[in-house]
């Protein structure tokens, strides 16, 4: 049968773990103070991140998170890079993918939305 890929999220500053599987930084901008070596990335598909306009509109405001999620999902539906990432994961079927993000807020960030979107598209 088909093996499911588990998609999880984690702060880019958290210690890398062997359980992380494929580690992808999903922020458009490289997080300050994080070295490329420490991040142990397998990829940085920055074009799957929210548009600059959407990121600025959201501005990490928890009150806007629900609407941000709707707007970001709409962007992802139209985003060739996001479709490509989903297709790659469907083809390669890694056991685990960990989406890394730089935001401090663990409950209101784009990686949560992207994780859920990918889970729906795998």
PDB file of N, CA and C in Angstrom:
ATOM      1  N   UNK A   1       0.822  -1.209   0.000  1.00  0.00           N
ATOM      2  CA  UNK A   1       0.000   0.000   0.000  1.00  0.00           C
ATOM      3  C   UNK A   1       0.852   1.253   0.000  1.00  0.00           C
ATOM      4  N   UNK A   2       0.207   2.366  -0.102  1.00  0.00           N
ATOM      5  CA  UNK A   2       0.915   3.654  -0.144  1.00  0.00           C
ATOM      6  C   UNK A   2       1.363   4.027   1.261  1.00  0.00           C
ATOM      7  N   UNK A   3       2.592   4.405   1.348  1.00  0.00           N
ATOM      8  CA  UNK A   3       3.091   4.880   2.642  1.00  0.00           C
ATOM      9  C   UNK A   3       2.781   6.365   2.760  1.00  0.00           C
ATOM     10  N   UNK A   4       2.228   6.758   3.880  1.00  0.00           N
ATOM     11  CA  UNK A   4       1.902   8.167   4.066  1.00  0.00           C
ATOM     12  C   UNK A   4       3.143   8.931   4.521  1.00  0.00           C
ATOM     13  N   UNK A   5       3.264  10.125   4.003  1.00  0.00           N
ATOM     14  CA  UNK A   5       4.301  11.030   4.470  1.00  0.00           C
ATOM     15  C   UNK A   5       3.740  11.839   5.632  1.00  0.00           C
ATOM     16  N   UNK A   6       4.426  11.834   6.748  1.00  0.00           N
ATOM     17  CA  UNK A   6       4.022  12.660   7.885  1.00  0.00           C
ATOM     18  C   UNK A   6       4.652  14.028   7.731  1.00  0.00           C
ATOM     19  N   UNK A   7       3.841  15.063   7.836  1.00  0.00           N
ATOM     20  CA  UNK A   7       4.343  16.423   7.727  1.00  0.00           C
ATOM     21  C   UNK A   7       4.209  17.081   9.098  1.00  0.00           C
ATOM     22  N   UNK A   8       5.333  17.513   9.633  1.00  0.00           N
ATOM     23  CA  UNK A   8       5.339  18.178  10.942  1.00  0.00           C
ATOM     24  C   UNK A   8       5.996  19.543  10.795  1.00  0.00           C
ATOM     25  N   UNK A   9       5.882  20.351  11.842  1.00  0.00           N
ATOM     26  CA  UNK A   9       6.554  21.643  11.831  1.00  0.00           C
ATOM     27  C   UNK A   9       7.423  21.773  13.075  1.00  0.00           C
ATOM     28  N   UNK A  10       8.401  22.652  12.975  1.00  0.00           N
ATOM     29  CA  UNK A  10       9.370  22.814  14.045  1.00  0.00           C
ATOM     30  C   UNK A  10      10.059  24.161  13.859  1.00  0.00           C
ATOM     31  N   UNK A  11      10.440  24.780  14.957  1.00  0.00           N
ATOM     32  CA  UNK A  11      11.200  26.029  14.853  1.00  0.00           C
ATOM     33  C   UNK A  11      12.587  25.731  14.298  1.00  0.00           C
ATOM     34  N   UNK A  12      13.053  26.599  13.428  1.00  0.00           N
ATOM     35  CA  UNK A  12      14.358  26.382  12.807  1.00  0.00           C
ATOM     36  C   UNK A  12      15.472  26.419  13.861  1.00  0.00           C
ATOM     37  N   UNK A  13      15.222  27.087  14.985  1.00  0.00           N
ATOM     38  CA  UNK A  13      16.248  27.163  16.035  1.00  0.00           C
ATOM     39  C   UNK A  13      16.258  25.938  16.950  1.00  0.00           C
ATOM     40  N   UNK A  14      15.250  25.072  16.838  1.00  0.00           N
ATOM     41  CA  UNK A  14      15.251  23.848  17.644  1.00  0.00           C
ATOM     42  C   UNK A  14      16.329  22.896  17.136  1.00  0.00           C
ATOM     43  N   UNK A  15      16.824  22.092  18.039  1.00  0.00           N
ATOM     44  CA  UNK A  15      17.873  21.126  17.725  1.00  0.00           C
ATOM     45  C   UNK A  15      17.406  20.165  16.619  1.00  0.00           C
ATOM     46  N   UNK A  16      18.206  19.999  15.550  1.00  0.00           N
ATOM     47  CA  UNK A  16      17.838  18.989  14.544  1.00  0.00           C
ATOM     48  C   UNK A  16      17.811  17.593  15.176  1.00  0.00           C
ATOM     49  N   UNK A  17      16.910  16.761  14.695  1.00  0.00           N
ATOM     50  CA  UNK A  17      16.777  15.410  15.233  1.00  0.00           C
ATOM     51  C   UNK A  17      16.752  14.428  14.070  1.00  0.00           C
ATOM     52  N   UNK A  18      17.185  13.206  14.329  1.00  0.00           N
ATOM     53  CA  UNK A  18      17.190  12.202  13.257  1.00  0.00           C
ATOM     54  C   UNK A  18      15.758  11.849  12.843  1.00  0.00           C
ATOM     55  N   UNK A  19      14.778  12.179  13.697  1.00  0.00           N
ATOM     56  CA  UNK A  19      13.377  11.901  13.364  1.00  0.00           C
ATOM     57  C   UNK A  19      12.781  12.927  12.404  1.00  0.00           C
ATOM     58  N   UNK A  20      13.525  14.003  12.135  1.00  0.00           N
ATOM     59  CA  UNK A  20      12.954  15.085  11.327  1.00  0.00           C
ATOM     60  C   UNK A  20      12.725  14.682   9.873  1.00  0.00           C
ATOM     61  N   UNK A  21      13.452  13.684   9.405  1.00  0.00           N
ATOM     62  CA  UNK A  21      13.326  13.301   8.001  1.00  0.00           C
ATOM     63  C   UNK A  21      13.851  14.421   7.120  1.00  0.00           C
ATOM     64  N   UNK A  22      13.082  14.776   6.092  1.00  0.00           N
ATOM     65  CA  UNK A  22      13.467  15.825   5.159  1.00  0.00           C
ATOM     66  C   UNK A  22      13.191  17.180   5.816  1.00  0.00           C
ATOM     67  N   UNK A  23      14.241  17.977   6.003  1.00  0.00           N
ATOM     68  CA  UNK A  23      14.115  19.273   6.691  1.00  0.00           C
ATOM     69  C   UNK A  23      14.072  20.409   5.677  1.00  0.00           C
ATOM     70  N   UNK A  24      12.942  21.120   5.652  1.00  0.00           N
ATOM     71  CA  UNK A  24      12.750  22.199   4.692  1.00  0.00           C
ATOM     72  C   UNK A  24      12.463  23.506   5.416  1.00  0.00           C
ATOM     73  N   UNK A  25      13.252  24.526   5.129  1.00  0.00           N
ATOM     74  CA  UNK A  25      12.964  25.856   5.656  1.00  0.00           C
ATOM     75  C   UNK A  25      11.915  26.492   4.759  1.00  0.00           C
ATOM     76  N   UNK A  26      10.761  26.863   5.333  1.00  0.00           N
ATOM     77  CA  UNK A  26       9.659  27.362   4.508  1.00  0.00           C
ATOM     78  C   UNK A  26       9.432  28.867   4.683  1.00  0.00           C
ATOM     79  N   UNK A  27      10.394  29.567   5.271  1.00  0.00           N
ATOM     80  CA  UNK A  27      10.342  31.028   5.338  1.00  0.00           C
ATOM     81  C   UNK A  27      10.922  31.616   4.056  1.00  0.00           C
ATOM     82  N   UNK A  28      10.375  32.734   3.604  1.00  0.00           N
ATOM     83  CA  UNK A  28      10.915  33.393   2.416  1.00  0.00           C
ATOM     84  C   UNK A  28      12.309  33.945   2.730  1.00  0.00           C
ATOM     85  N   UNK A  29      12.440  34.526   3.930  1.00  0.00           N
ATOM     86  CA  UNK A  29      13.711  35.137   4.326  1.00  0.00           C
ATOM     87  C   UNK A  29      14.478  34.195   5.240  1.00  0.00           C
ATOM     88  N   UNK A  30      15.804  34.216   5.115  1.00  0.00           N
ATOM     89  CA  UNK A  30      16.630  33.393   6.005  1.00  0.00           C
ATOM     90  C   UNK A  30      16.538  33.979   7.419  1.00  0.00           C
ATOM     91  N   UNK A  31      16.267  33.133   8.431  1.00  0.00           N
ATOM     92  CA  UNK A  31      16.121  33.660   9.796  1.00  0.00           C
ATOM     93  C   UNK A  31      17.438  34.230  10.335  1.00  0.00           C
ATOM     94  N   UNK A  32      17.361  35.381  10.965  1.00  0.00           N
ATOM     95  CA  UNK A  32      18.549  36.026  11.527  1.00  0.00           C
ATOM     96  C   UNK A  32      19.200  35.137  12.581  1.00  0.00           C
ATOM     97  N   UNK A  33      20.510  35.118  12.575  1.00  0.00           N
ATOM     98  CA  UNK A  33      21.236  34.429  13.636  1.00  0.00           C
ATOM     99  C   UNK A  33      21.253  32.914  13.526  1.00  0.00           C
ATOM    100  N   UNK A  34      20.794  32.383  12.409  1.00  0.00           N
ATOM    101  CA  UNK A  34      20.827  30.926  12.200  1.00  0.00           C
ATOM    102  C   UNK A  34      21.854  30.649  11.106  1.00  0.00           C
ATOM    103  N   UNK A  35      22.829  29.801  11.404  1.00  0.00           N
ATOM    104  CA  UNK A  35      23.825  29.499  10.372  1.00  0.00           C
ATOM    105  C   UNK A  35      23.312  28.370   9.490  1.00  0.00           C
ATOM    106  N   UNK A  36      23.750  28.381   8.247  1.00  0.00           N
ATOM    107  CA  UNK A  36      23.312  27.329   7.312  1.00  0.00           C
ATOM    108  C   UNK A  36      23.718  25.956   7.831  1.00  0.00           C
ATOM    109  N   UNK A  37      24.896  25.877   8.462  1.00  0.00           N
ATOM    110  CA  UNK A  37      25.366  24.582   8.975  1.00  0.00           C
ATOM    111  C   UNK A  37      24.464  24.081  10.109  1.00  0.00           C
ATOM    112  N   UNK A  38      24.130  24.976  11.037  1.00  0.00           N
ATOM    113  CA  UNK A  38      23.293  24.577  12.174  1.00  0.00           C
ATOM    114  C   UNK A  38      21.911  24.111  11.740  1.00  0.00           C
ATOM    115  N   UNK A  39      21.400  24.715  10.669  1.00  0.00           N
ATOM    116  CA  UNK A  39      20.026  24.430  10.255  1.00  0.00           C
ATOM    117  C   UNK A  39      19.889  23.020   9.672  1.00  0.00           C
ATOM    118  N   UNK A  40      20.985  22.459   9.171  1.00  0.00           N
ATOM    119  CA  UNK A  40      20.965  21.101   8.573  1.00  0.00           C
ATOM    120  C   UNK A  40      19.790  20.906   7.625  1.00  0.00           C
ATOM    121  N   UNK A  41      19.659  21.804   6.666  1.00  0.00           N
ATOM    122  CA  UNK A  41      18.515  21.781   5.756  1.00  0.00           C
ATOM    123  C   UNK A  41      18.706  20.816   4.602  1.00  0.00           C
ATOM    124  N   UNK A  42      17.586  20.262   4.146  1.00  0.00           N
ATOM    125  CA  UNK A  42      17.563  19.508   2.896  1.00  0.00           C
ATOM    126  C   UNK A  42      17.058  20.382   1.759  1.00  0.00           C
ATOM    127  N   UNK A  43      16.476  21.520   2.110  1.00  0.00           N
ATOM    128  CA  UNK A  43      15.988  22.420   1.078  1.00  0.00           C
ATOM    129  C   UNK A  43      15.410  23.681   1.680  1.00  0.00           C
ATOM    130  N   UNK A  44      15.277  24.707   0.826  1.00  0.00           N
ATOM    131  CA  UNK A  44      14.693  25.982   1.245  1.00  0.00           C
ATOM    132  C   UNK A  44      13.757  26.448   0.126  1.00  0.00           C
ATOM    133  N   UNK A  45      12.570  25.800   0.045  1.00  0.00           N
ATOM    134  CA  UNK A  45      11.620  26.167  -1.019  1.00  0.00           C
ATOM    135  C   UNK A  45      10.907  27.469  -0.654  1.00  0.00           C
ATOM    136  N   UNK A  46      11.653  28.583  -0.754  1.00  0.00           N
ATOM    137  CA  UNK A  46      11.124  29.843  -0.211  1.00  0.00           C
ATOM    138  C   UNK A  46       9.899  30.346  -0.959  1.00  0.00           C
ATOM    139  N   UNK A  47       9.699  29.885  -2.186  1.00  0.00           N
ATOM    140  CA  UNK A  47       8.539  30.351  -2.949  1.00  0.00           C
ATOM    141  C   UNK A  47       7.216  29.756  -2.468  1.00  0.00           C
ATOM    142  N   UNK A  48       7.270  28.825  -1.505  1.00  0.00           N
ATOM    143  CA  UNK A  48       6.008  28.327  -0.937  1.00  0.00           C
ATOM    144  C   UNK A  48       5.556  29.204   0.232  1.00  0.00           C
ATOM    145  N   UNK A  49       6.393  30.151   0.640  1.00  0.00           N
ATOM    146  CA  UNK A  49       6.038  31.048   1.742  1.00  0.00           C
ATOM    147  C   UNK A  49       4.959  32.029   1.294  1.00  0.00           C
ATOM    148  N   UNK A  50       4.286  32.651   2.257  1.00  0.00           N
ATOM    149  CA  UNK A  50       3.274  33.648   1.879  1.00  0.00           C
ATOM    150  C   UNK A  50       3.916  34.799   1.102  1.00  0.00           C
ATOM    151  N   UNK A  51       3.135  35.437   0.248  1.00  0.00           N
ATOM    152  CA  UNK A  51       3.634  36.601  -0.490  1.00  0.00           C
ATOM    153  C   UNK A  51       4.057  37.682   0.508  1.00  0.00           C
ATOM    154  N   UNK A  52       4.949  38.538   0.073  1.00  0.00           N
ATOM    155  CA  UNK A  52       5.407  39.632   0.931  1.00  0.00           C
ATOM    156  C   UNK A  52       4.222  40.487   1.386  1.00  0.00           C
ATOM    157  N   UNK A  53       3.294  40.773   0.466  1.00  0.00           N
ATOM    158  CA  UNK A  53       2.118  41.576   0.821  1.00  0.00           C
ATOM    159  C   UNK A  53       1.291  40.909   1.913  1.00  0.00           C
ATOM    160  N   UNK A  54       1.076  39.598   1.768  1.00  0.00           N
ATOM    161  CA  UNK A  54       0.272  38.877   2.758  1.00  0.00           C
ATOM    162  C   UNK A  54       1.003  38.837   4.098  1.00  0.00           C
ATOM    163  N   UNK A  55       2.313  38.611   4.061  1.00  0.00           N
ATOM    164  CA  UNK A  55       3.089  38.554   5.299  1.00  0.00           C
ATOM    165  C   UNK A  55       3.006  39.889   6.038  1.00  0.00           C
ATOM    166  N   UNK A  56       3.140  40.987   5.274  1.00  0.00           N
ATOM    167  CA  UNK A  56       3.090  42.316   5.903  1.00  0.00           C
ATOM    168  C   UNK A  56       1.695  42.615   6.454  1.00  0.00           C
ATOM    169  N   UNK A  57       0.666  42.189   5.720  1.00  0.00           N
ATOM    170  CA  UNK A  57      -0.715  42.411   6.182  1.00  0.00           C
ATOM    171  C   UNK A  57      -0.954  41.665   7.499  1.00  0.00           C
ATOM    172  N   UNK A  58      -0.523  40.409   7.556  1.00  0.00           N
ATOM    173  CA  UNK A  58      -0.730  39.568   8.743  1.00  0.00           C
ATOM    174  C   UNK A  58       0.055  40.118   9.934  1.00  0.00           C
ATOM    175  N   UNK A  59       1.328  40.422   9.713  1.00  0.00           N
ATOM    176  CA  UNK A  59       2.171  41.050  10.721  1.00  0.00           C
ATOM    177  C   UNK A  59       2.127  40.306  12.064  1.00  0.00           C
ATOM    178  N   UNK A  60       2.029  38.987  12.014  1.00  0.00           N
ATOM    179  CA  UNK A  60       2.012  38.132  13.224  1.00  0.00           C
ATOM    180  C   UNK A  60       0.920  38.528  14.216  1.00  0.00           C
ATOM    181  N   UNK A  61      -0.211  39.027  13.726  1.00  0.00           N
ATOM    182  CA  UNK A  61      -1.329  39.402  14.590  1.00  0.00           C
ATOM    183  C   UNK A  61      -2.260  38.199  14.762  1.00  0.00           C
ATOM    184  N   UNK A  62      -2.322  37.629  15.986  1.00  0.00           N
ATOM    185  CA  UNK A  62      -3.158  36.438  16.200  1.00  0.00           C
ATOM    186  C   UNK A  62      -4.618  36.657  15.803  1.00  0.00           C
ATOM    187  N   UNK A  63      -5.114  37.886  15.938  1.00  0.00           N
ATOM    188  CA  UNK A  63      -6.502  38.189  15.575  1.00  0.00           C
ATOM    189  C   UNK A  63      -6.759  37.967  14.086  1.00  0.00           C
ATOM    190  N   UNK A  64      -5.701  38.129  13.291  1.00  0.00           N
ATOM    191  CA  UNK A  64      -5.851  38.010  11.836  1.00  0.00           C
ATOM    192  C   UNK A  64      -5.548  36.595  11.346  1.00  0.00           C
ATOM    193  N   UNK A  65      -5.192  35.684  12.276  1.00  0.00           N
ATOM    194  CA  UNK A  65      -4.654  34.386  11.832  1.00  0.00           C
ATOM    195  C   UNK A  65      -5.650  33.600  10.988  1.00  0.00           C
ATOM    196  N   UNK A  66      -6.919  33.595  11.392  1.00  0.00           N
ATOM    197  CA  UNK A  66      -7.906  32.802  10.656  1.00  0.00           C
ATOM    198  C   UNK A  66      -8.015  33.285   9.206  1.00  0.00           C
ATOM    199  N   UNK A  67      -8.144  34.606   9.043  1.00  0.00           N
ATOM    200  CA  UNK A  67      -8.250  35.144   7.690  1.00  0.00           C
ATOM    201  C   UNK A  67      -6.934  34.978   6.928  1.00  0.00           C
ATOM    202  N   UNK A  68      -5.827  35.130   7.653  1.00  0.00           N
ATOM    203  CA  UNK A  68      -4.517  34.889   7.039  1.00  0.00           C
ATOM    204  C   UNK A  68      -4.469  33.476   6.450  1.00  0.00           C
ATOM    205  N   UNK A  69      -4.941  32.507   7.230  1.00  0.00           N
ATOM    206  CA  UNK A  69      -4.936  31.115   6.770  1.00  0.00           C
ATOM    207  C   UNK A  69      -5.725  30.937   5.485  1.00  0.00           C
ATOM    208  N   UNK A  70      -6.914  31.573   5.435  1.00  0.00           N
ATOM    209  CA  UNK A  70      -7.737  31.475   4.222  1.00  0.00           C
ATOM    210  C   UNK A  70      -7.014  32.083   3.032  1.00  0.00           C
ATOM    211  N   UNK A  71      -6.422  33.267   3.245  1.00  0.00           N
ATOM    212  CA  UNK A  71      -5.741  33.967   2.142  1.00  0.00           C
ATOM    213  C   UNK A  71      -4.501  33.194   1.689  1.00  0.00           C
ATOM    214  N   UNK A  72      -3.767  32.647   2.662  1.00  0.00           N
ATOM    215  CA  UNK A  72      -2.545  31.909   2.326  1.00  0.00           C
ATOM    216  C   UNK A  72      -2.889  30.620   1.588  1.00  0.00           C
ATOM    217  N   UNK A  73      -3.944  29.915   2.035  1.00  0.00           N
ATOM    218  CA  UNK A  73      -4.353  28.689   1.322  1.00  0.00           C
ATOM    219  C   UNK A  73      -4.738  29.015  -0.118  1.00  0.00           C
ATOM    220  N   UNK A  74      -5.408  30.141  -0.317  1.00  0.00           N
ATOM    221  CA  UNK A  74      -5.763  30.555  -1.683  1.00  0.00           C
ATOM    222  C   UNK A  74      -4.500  30.796  -2.505  1.00  0.00           C
ATOM    223  N   UNK A  75      -3.492  31.422  -1.886  1.00  0.00           N
ATOM    224  CA  UNK A  75      -2.207  31.612  -2.584  1.00  0.00           C
ATOM    225  C   UNK A  75      -1.584  30.268  -2.932  1.00  0.00           C
ATOM    226  N   UNK A  76      -1.595  29.342  -1.973  1.00  0.00           N
ATOM    227  CA  UNK A  76      -0.970  28.030  -2.205  1.00  0.00           C
ATOM    228  C   UNK A  76      -1.660  27.288  -3.345  1.00  0.00           C
ATOM    229  N   UNK A  77      -2.986  27.407  -3.412  1.00  0.00           N
ATOM    230  CA  UNK A  77      -3.733  26.728  -4.480  1.00  0.00           C
ATOM    231  C   UNK A  77      -3.300  27.205  -5.857  1.00  0.00           C
ATOM    232  N   UNK A  78      -2.846  28.468  -5.925  1.00  0.00           N
ATOM    233  CA  UNK A  78      -2.429  29.059  -7.203  1.00  0.00           C
ATOM    234  C   UNK A  78      -0.911  29.080  -7.378  1.00  0.00           C
ATOM    235  N   UNK A  79      -0.194  28.506  -6.425  1.00  0.00           N
ATOM    236  CA  UNK A  79       1.257  28.660  -6.380  1.00  0.00           C
ATOM    237  C   UNK A  79       1.944  27.432  -6.990  1.00  0.00           C
ATOM    238  N   UNK A  80       2.619  27.647  -8.119  1.00  0.00           N
ATOM    239  CA  UNK A  80       3.279  26.538  -8.817  1.00  0.00           C
ATOM    240  C   UNK A  80       4.329  25.865  -7.923  1.00  0.00           C
ATOM    241  N   UNK A  81       5.058  26.661  -7.127  1.00  0.00           N
ATOM    242  CA  UNK A  81       6.100  26.086  -6.261  1.00  0.00           C
ATOM    243  C   UNK A  81       5.484  25.160  -5.215  1.00  0.00           C
ATOM    244  N   UNK A  82       4.331  25.539  -4.685  1.00  0.00           N
ATOM    245  CA  UNK A  82       3.660  24.704  -3.683  1.00  0.00           C
ATOM    246  C   UNK A  82       3.140  23.420  -4.323  1.00  0.00           C
ATOM    247  N   UNK A  83       2.561  23.542  -5.516  1.00  0.00           N
ATOM    248  CA  UNK A  83       2.071  22.349  -6.226  1.00  0.00           C
ATOM    249  C   UNK A  83       3.229  21.396  -6.528  1.00  0.00           C
ATOM    250  N   UNK A  84       4.360  21.991  -6.898  1.00  0.00           N
ATOM    251  CA  UNK A  84       5.557  21.205  -7.215  1.00  0.00           C
ATOM    252  C   UNK A  84       6.067  20.459  -5.983  1.00  0.00           C
ATOM    253  N   UNK A  85       6.101  21.170  -4.859  1.00  0.00           N
ATOM    254  CA  UNK A  85       6.554  20.545  -3.611  1.00  0.00           C
ATOM    255  C   UNK A  85       5.638  19.379  -3.248  1.00  0.00           C
ATOM    256  N   UNK A  86       4.334  19.581  -3.336  1.00  0.00           N
ATOM    257  CA  UNK A  86       3.384  18.507  -3.024  1.00  0.00           C
ATOM    258  C   UNK A  86       3.602  17.317  -3.967  1.00  0.00           C
ATOM    259  N   UNK A  87       3.810  17.604  -5.248  1.00  0.00           N
ATOM    260  CA  UNK A  87       4.016  16.534  -6.235  1.00  0.00           C
ATOM    261  C   UNK A  87       5.300  15.763  -5.948  1.00  0.00           C
ATOM    262  N   UNK A  88       6.360  16.492  -5.600  1.00  0.00           N
ATOM    263  CA  UNK A  88       7.636  15.846  -5.267  1.00  0.00           C
ATOM    264  C   UNK A  88       7.474  14.910  -4.075  1.00  0.00           C
ATOM    265  N   UNK A  89       6.770  15.385  -3.055  1.00  0.00           N
ATOM    266  CA  UNK A  89       6.584  14.566  -1.854  1.00  0.00           C
ATOM    267  C   UNK A  89       5.710  13.358  -2.161  1.00  0.00           C
ATOM    268  N   UNK A  90       4.730  13.536  -3.042  1.00  0.00           N
ATOM    269  CA  UNK A  90       3.894  12.392  -3.443  1.00  0.00           C
ATOM    270  C   UNK A  90       4.726  11.351  -4.179  1.00  0.00           C
ATOM    271  N   UNK A  91       5.656  11.813  -5.038  1.00  0.00           N
ATOM    272  CA  UNK A  91       6.498  10.898  -5.809  1.00  0.00           C
ATOM    273  C   UNK A  91       7.522  10.196  -4.921  1.00  0.00           C
ATOM    274  N   UNK A  92       8.205  10.991  -4.103  1.00  0.00           N
ATOM    275  CA  UNK A  92       9.325  10.442  -3.323  1.00  0.00           C
ATOM    276  C   UNK A  92       8.864   9.758  -2.047  1.00  0.00           C
ATOM    277  N   UNK A  93       7.703  10.152  -1.555  1.00  0.00           N
ATOM    278  CA  UNK A  93       7.122   9.562  -0.344  1.00  0.00           C
ATOM    279  C   UNK A  93       8.101   9.395   0.805  1.00  0.00           C
ATOM    280  N   UNK A  94       8.762  10.469   1.218  1.00  0.00           N
ATOM    281  CA  UNK A  94       9.601  10.326   2.412  1.00  0.00           C
ATOM    282  C   UNK A  94       8.686  10.013   3.587  1.00  0.00           C
ATOM    283  N   UNK A  95       9.233   9.308   4.576  1.00  0.00           N
ATOM    284  CA  UNK A  95       8.405   8.936   5.722  1.00  0.00           C
ATOM    285  C   UNK A  95       8.028  10.184   6.517  1.00  0.00           C
ATOM    286  N   UNK A  96       8.964  11.117   6.617  1.00  0.00           N
ATOM    287  CA  UNK A  96       8.761  12.299   7.447  1.00  0.00           C
ATOM    288  C   UNK A  96       9.307  13.530   6.752  1.00  0.00           C
ATOM    289  N   UNK A  97       8.533  14.615   6.793  1.00  0.00           N
ATOM    290  CA  UNK A  97       8.990  15.923   6.334  1.00  0.00           C
ATOM    291  C   UNK A  97       8.775  16.890   7.485  1.00  0.00           C
ATOM    292  N   UNK A  98       9.789  17.681   7.797  1.00  0.00           N
ATOM    293  CA  UNK A  98       9.649  18.689   8.843  1.00  0.00           C
ATOM    294  C   UNK A  98       9.819  20.061   8.214  1.00  0.00           C
ATOM    295  N   UNK A  99       8.775  20.871   8.345  1.00  0.00           N
ATOM    296  CA  UNK A  99       8.796  22.239   7.835  1.00  0.00           C
ATOM    297  C   UNK A  99       9.328  23.135   8.945  1.00  0.00           C
ATOM    298  N   UNK A 100      10.382  23.862   8.642  1.00  0.00           N
ATOM    299  CA  UNK A 100      11.023  24.710   9.649  1.00  0.00           C
ATOM    300  C   UNK A 100      10.660  26.167   9.429  1.00  0.00           C
ATOM    301  N   UNK A 101      10.427  26.854  10.538  1.00  0.00           N
ATOM    302  CA  UNK A 101      10.034  28.262  10.442  1.00  0.00           C
ATOM    303  C   UNK A 101      10.768  29.076  11.501  1.00  0.00           C
ATOM    304  N   UNK A 102      10.882  30.381  11.261  1.00  0.00           N
ATOM    305  CA  UNK A 102      11.620  31.239  12.172  1.00  0.00           C
ATOM    306  C   UNK A 102      10.755  32.010  13.158  1.00  0.00           C
ATOM    307  N   UNK A 103       9.436  32.022  12.948  1.00  0.00           N
ATOM    308  CA  UNK A 103       8.545  32.825  13.799  1.00  0.00           C
ATOM    309  C   UNK A 103       8.616  32.382  15.258  1.00  0.00           C
ATOM    310  N   UNK A 104       8.418  33.330  16.162  1.00  0.00           N
ATOM    311  CA  UNK A 104       8.426  32.999  17.590  1.00  0.00           C
ATOM    312  C   UNK A 104       7.106  32.371  18.030  1.00  0.00           C
ATOM    313  N   UNK A 105       6.010  32.793  17.402  1.00  0.00           N
ATOM    314  CA  UNK A 105       4.681  32.328  17.797  1.00  0.00           C
ATOM    315  C   UNK A 105       4.437  30.928  17.237  1.00  0.00           C
ATOM    316  N   UNK A 106       4.270  29.958  18.133  1.00  0.00           N
ATOM    317  CA  UNK A 106       4.112  28.561  17.696  1.00  0.00           C
ATOM    318  C   UNK A 106       2.686  28.238  17.275  1.00  0.00           C
ATOM    319  N   UNK A 107       1.734  29.106  17.618  1.00  0.00           N
ATOM    320  CA  UNK A 107       0.330  28.806  17.327  1.00  0.00           C
ATOM    321  C   UNK A 107      -0.228  29.590  16.160  1.00  0.00           C
ATOM    322  N   UNK A 108       0.460  30.665  15.779  1.00  0.00           N
ATOM    323  CA  UNK A 108      -0.032  31.519  14.685  1.00  0.00           C
ATOM    324  C   UNK A 108       1.118  31.793  13.719  1.00  0.00           C
ATOM    325  N   UNK A 109       1.385  30.855  12.823  1.00  0.00           N
ATOM    326  CA  UNK A 109       2.434  31.092  11.829  1.00  0.00           C
ATOM    327  C   UNK A 109       2.095  30.357  10.540  1.00  0.00           C
ATOM    328  N   UNK A 110       2.738  30.766   9.464  1.00  0.00           N
ATOM    329  CA  UNK A 110       2.373  30.220   8.156  1.00  0.00           C
ATOM    330  C   UNK A 110       2.715  28.749   8.010  1.00  0.00           C
ATOM    331  N   UNK A 111       3.695  28.254   8.779  1.00  0.00           N
ATOM    332  CA  UNK A 111       4.079  26.839   8.644  1.00  0.00           C
ATOM    333  C   UNK A 111       2.920  25.915   9.030  1.00  0.00           C
ATOM    334  N   UNK A 112       2.095  26.351   9.975  1.00  0.00           N
ATOM    335  CA  UNK A 112       0.917  25.564  10.384  1.00  0.00           C
ATOM    336  C   UNK A 112      -0.033  25.408   9.198  1.00  0.00           C
ATOM    337  N   UNK A 113      -0.275  26.540   8.515  1.00  0.00           N
ATOM    338  CA  UNK A 113      -1.187  26.538   7.369  1.00  0.00           C
ATOM    339  C   UNK A 113      -0.616  25.679   6.248  1.00  0.00           C
ATOM    340  N   UNK A 114       0.689  25.844   5.990  1.00  0.00           N
ATOM    341  CA  UNK A 114       1.343  25.076   4.929  1.00  0.00           C
ATOM    342  C   UNK A 114       1.328  23.583   5.258  1.00  0.00           C
ATOM    343  N   UNK A 115       1.594  23.241   6.511  1.00  0.00           N
ATOM    344  CA  UNK A 115       1.555  21.820   6.930  1.00  0.00           C
ATOM    345  C   UNK A 115       0.180  21.227   6.624  1.00  0.00           C
ATOM    346  N   UNK A 116      -0.882  21.932   7.015  1.00  0.00           N
ATOM    347  CA  UNK A 116      -2.231  21.413   6.822  1.00  0.00           C
ATOM    348  C   UNK A 116      -2.569  21.328   5.331  1.00  0.00           C
ATOM    349  N   UNK A 117      -2.130  22.332   4.580  1.00  0.00           N
ATOM    350  CA  UNK A 117      -2.370  22.325   3.137  1.00  0.00           C
ATOM    351  C   UNK A 117      -1.668  21.131   2.482  1.00  0.00           C
ATOM    352  N   UNK A 118      -0.411  20.898   2.884  1.00  0.00           N
ATOM    353  CA  UNK A 118       0.335  19.766   2.310  1.00  0.00           C
ATOM    354  C   UNK A 118      -0.314  18.435   2.690  1.00  0.00           C
ATOM    355  N   UNK A 119      -0.740  18.332   3.948  1.00  0.00           N
ATOM    356  CA  UNK A 119      -1.389  17.088   4.378  1.00  0.00           C
ATOM    357  C   UNK A 119      -2.619  16.811   3.506  1.00  0.00           C
ATOM    358  N   UNK A 120      -3.334  17.875   3.135  1.00  0.00           N
ATOM    359  CA  UNK A 120      -4.521  17.710   2.271  1.00  0.00           C
ATOM    360  C   UNK A 120      -4.141  17.342   0.846  1.00  0.00           C
ATOM    361  N   UNK A 121      -2.911  17.649   0.441  1.00  0.00           N
ATOM    362  CA  UNK A 121      -2.518  17.451  -0.965  1.00  0.00           C
ATOM    363  C   UNK A 121      -1.585  16.256  -1.173  1.00  0.00           C
ATOM    364  N   UNK A 122      -1.328  15.493  -0.123  1.00  0.00           N
ATOM    365  CA  UNK A 122      -0.434  14.335  -0.285  1.00  0.00           C
ATOM    366  C   UNK A 122      -1.237  13.047  -0.424  1.00  0.00           C
TER     367      UNK A 122
END
